[in-house]
C-alpha atoms as a PDB file:
ATOM      1  CA  MET A   1    -205.654 146.875   0.309  1.00  0.00           C
ATOM      2  CA  SER A   2    -206.641 143.920   1.960  1.00  0.00           C
ATOM      3  CA  LEU A   3    -209.820 143.907   4.434  1.00  0.00           C
ATOM      4  CA  ASP A   4    -210.101 142.455   7.248  1.00  0.00           C
ATOM      5  CA  PRO A   5    -212.900 139.766   7.832  1.00  0.00           C
ATOM      6  CA  HIS A   6    -213.139 140.341  11.159  1.00  0.00           C
ATOM      7  CA  SER A   7    -214.006 143.957  10.711  1.00  0.00           C
ATOM      8  CA  ASP A   8    -218.353 144.512  11.077  1.00  0.00           C
ATOM      9  CA  THR A   9    -218.248 147.694   8.246  1.00  0.00           C
ATOM     10  CA  HIS A  10    -222.384 148.112   9.070  1.00  0.00           C
ATOM     11  CA  THR A  11    -222.096 149.200  12.751  1.00  0.00           C
ATOM     12  CA  PHE A  12    -222.499 152.720  13.891  1.00  0.00           C
ATOM     13  CA  GLY A  13    -218.948 154.572  15.682  1.00  0.00           C
ATOM     14  CA  PRO A  14    -220.074 157.556  17.553  1.00  0.00           C
ATOM     15  CA  GLU A  15    -217.094 159.370  15.825  1.00  0.00           C
ATOM     16  CA  ASP A  16    -217.567 158.571  11.813  1.00  0.00           C
ATOM     17  CA  GLY A  17    -220.946 161.238  12.838  1.00  0.00           C
ATOM     18  CA  ALA A  18    -223.140 158.386  11.374  1.00  0.00           C
ATOM     19  CA  GLN A  19    -227.188 157.757  12.034  1.00  0.00           C
ATOM     20  CA  GLN A  20    -227.318 155.520  15.010  1.00  0.00           C
ATOM     21  CA  PRO A  21    -229.412 152.554  13.927  1.00  0.00           C
ATOM     22  CA  VAL A  22    -232.736 151.309  13.968  1.00  0.00           C
ATOM     23  CA  ASP A  23    -232.372 148.764  15.399  1.00  0.00           C
ATOM     24  CA  PRO A  24    -233.389 148.193  19.113  1.00  0.00           C
ATOM     25  CA  LYS A  25    -231.295 145.708  20.382  1.00  0.00           C
ATOM     26  CA  LEU A  26    -228.180 147.643  18.298  1.00  0.00           C
ATOM     27  CA  ARG A  27    -228.732 150.728  19.941  1.00  0.00           C
ATOM     28  CA  GLU A  28    -229.142 149.601  23.241  1.00  0.00           C
ATOM     29  CA  ALA A  29    -225.907 147.306  23.520  1.00  0.00           C
ATOM     30  CA  GLN A  30    -223.975 150.986  21.971  1.00  0.00           C
ATOM     31  CA  GLU A  31    -225.902 152.900  24.778  1.00  0.00           C
ATOM     32  CA  LEU A  32    -225.054 150.248  26.987  1.00  0.00           C
ATOM     33  CA  GLU A  33    -221.277 150.454  26.087  1.00  0.00           C
ATOM     34  CA  ALA A  34    -221.203 154.351  25.634  1.00  0.00           C
ATOM     35  CA  ARG A  35    -222.129 154.268  29.867  1.00  0.00           C
ATOM     36  CA  MET A  36    -219.069 151.485  30.304  1.00  0.00           C
ATOM     37  CA  ARG A  37    -216.635 153.618  28.368  1.00  0.00           C
ATOM     38  CA  ARG A  38    -217.554 156.596  30.235  1.00  0.00           C
ATOM     39  CA  ALA A  39    -217.556 154.594  34.245  1.00  0.00           C
ATOM     40  CA  LEU A  40    -213.069 154.076  33.393  1.00  0.00           C
ATOM     41  CA  ALA A  41    -211.503 155.207  35.528  1.00  0.00           C
ATOM     42  CA  THR A  42    -208.931 157.941  32.777  1.00  0.00           C
ATOM     43  CA  LYS A  43    -205.800 159.998  34.430  1.00  0.00           C
ATOM     44  CA  GLU A  44    -207.665 163.080  33.491  1.00  0.00           C
ATOM     45  CA  ASP A  45    -210.927 161.301  35.640  1.00  0.00           C
ATOM     46  CA  PRO A  46    -210.094 158.662  38.029  1.00  0.00           C
ATOM     47  CA  LEU A  47    -211.555 157.166  40.351  1.00  0.00           C
ATOM     48  CA  HIS A  48    -213.260 158.369  43.423  1.00  0.00           C
ATOM     49  CA  ASP A  49    -211.416 156.776  46.633  1.00  0.00           C
ATOM     50  CA  ASP A  50    -213.043 153.321  47.469  1.00  0.00           C
ATOM     51  CA  GLU A  51    -215.375 153.864  44.924  1.00  0.00           C
ATOM     52  CA  SER A  52    -215.554 150.248  41.861  1.00  0.00           C
ATOM     53  CA  THR A  53    -216.597 151.070  38.222  1.00  0.00           C
ATOM     54  CA  SER A  54    -219.954 149.860  39.368  1.00  0.00           C
ATOM     55  CA  GLU A  55    -220.838 152.777  41.588  1.00  0.00           C
ATOM     56  CA  ARG A  56    -219.582 154.767  39.401  1.00  0.00           C
ATOM     57  CA  LEU A  57    -221.819 153.258  36.900  1.00  0.00           C
ATOM     58  CA  ARG A  58    -224.579 154.427  39.719  1.00  0.00           C
ATOM     59  CA  ARG A  59    -223.985 157.798  39.798  1.00  0.00           C
ATOM     60  CA  LEU A  60    -223.303 158.406  37.064  1.00  0.00           C
ATOM     61  CA  ALA A  61    -226.498 157.230  36.175  1.00  0.00           C
ATOM     62  CA  SER A  62    -228.221 159.341  39.069  1.00  0.00           C
ATOM     63  CA  GLU A  63    -225.975 162.140  38.482  1.00  0.00           C
ATOM     64  CA  GLY A  64    -227.799 162.086  34.555  1.00  0.00           C
ATOM     65  CA  ALA A  65    -231.208 161.237  36.316  1.00  0.00           C
ATOM     66  CA  ARG A  66    -230.637 165.048  38.165  1.00  0.00           C
ATOM     67  CA  SER A  67    -229.360 166.845  35.667  1.00  0.00           C
ATOM     68  CA  ALA A  68    -232.419 165.783  32.796  1.00  0.00           C
ATOM     69  CA  GLU A  69    -234.842 166.379  35.702  1.00  0.00           C
ATOM     70  CA  SER A  70    -233.731 170.203  36.270  1.00  0.00           C
ATOM     71  CA  ALA A  71    -233.606 170.264  32.070  1.00  0.00           C
ATOM     72  CA  ASP A  72    -237.790 169.145  32.602  1.00  0.00           C
ATOM     73  CA  GLU A  73    -238.265 171.978  35.003  1.00  0.00           C
ATOM     74  CA  ALA A  74    -236.197 174.509  33.555  1.00  0.00           C
ATOM     75  CA  PRO A  75    -238.449 177.130  31.455  1.00  0.00           C
ATOM     76  CA  SER A  76    -237.568 177.738  28.166  1.00  0.00           C
ATOM     77  CA  GLN A  77    -237.138 181.163  26.363  1.00  0.00           C
ATOM     78  CA  PRO A  78    -237.489 181.968  22.721  1.00  0.00           C
END
């Protein structure tokens, strides 16, 4: 079996179930990639009318911030 010389065997793949890397630059790049993947239109999740990918990124970020705020405000029950 040959090994692809261009593959990076030390990177983290979310599907691997492994821990995220400790290097902050690598982690930041992977978080950006994850946000971009969520923003891309798919058949199951198309763009809204007259919405660009950058507008969708902003909308997803604001929705994520709102859900994080509501999670912080929700009282935790034992």
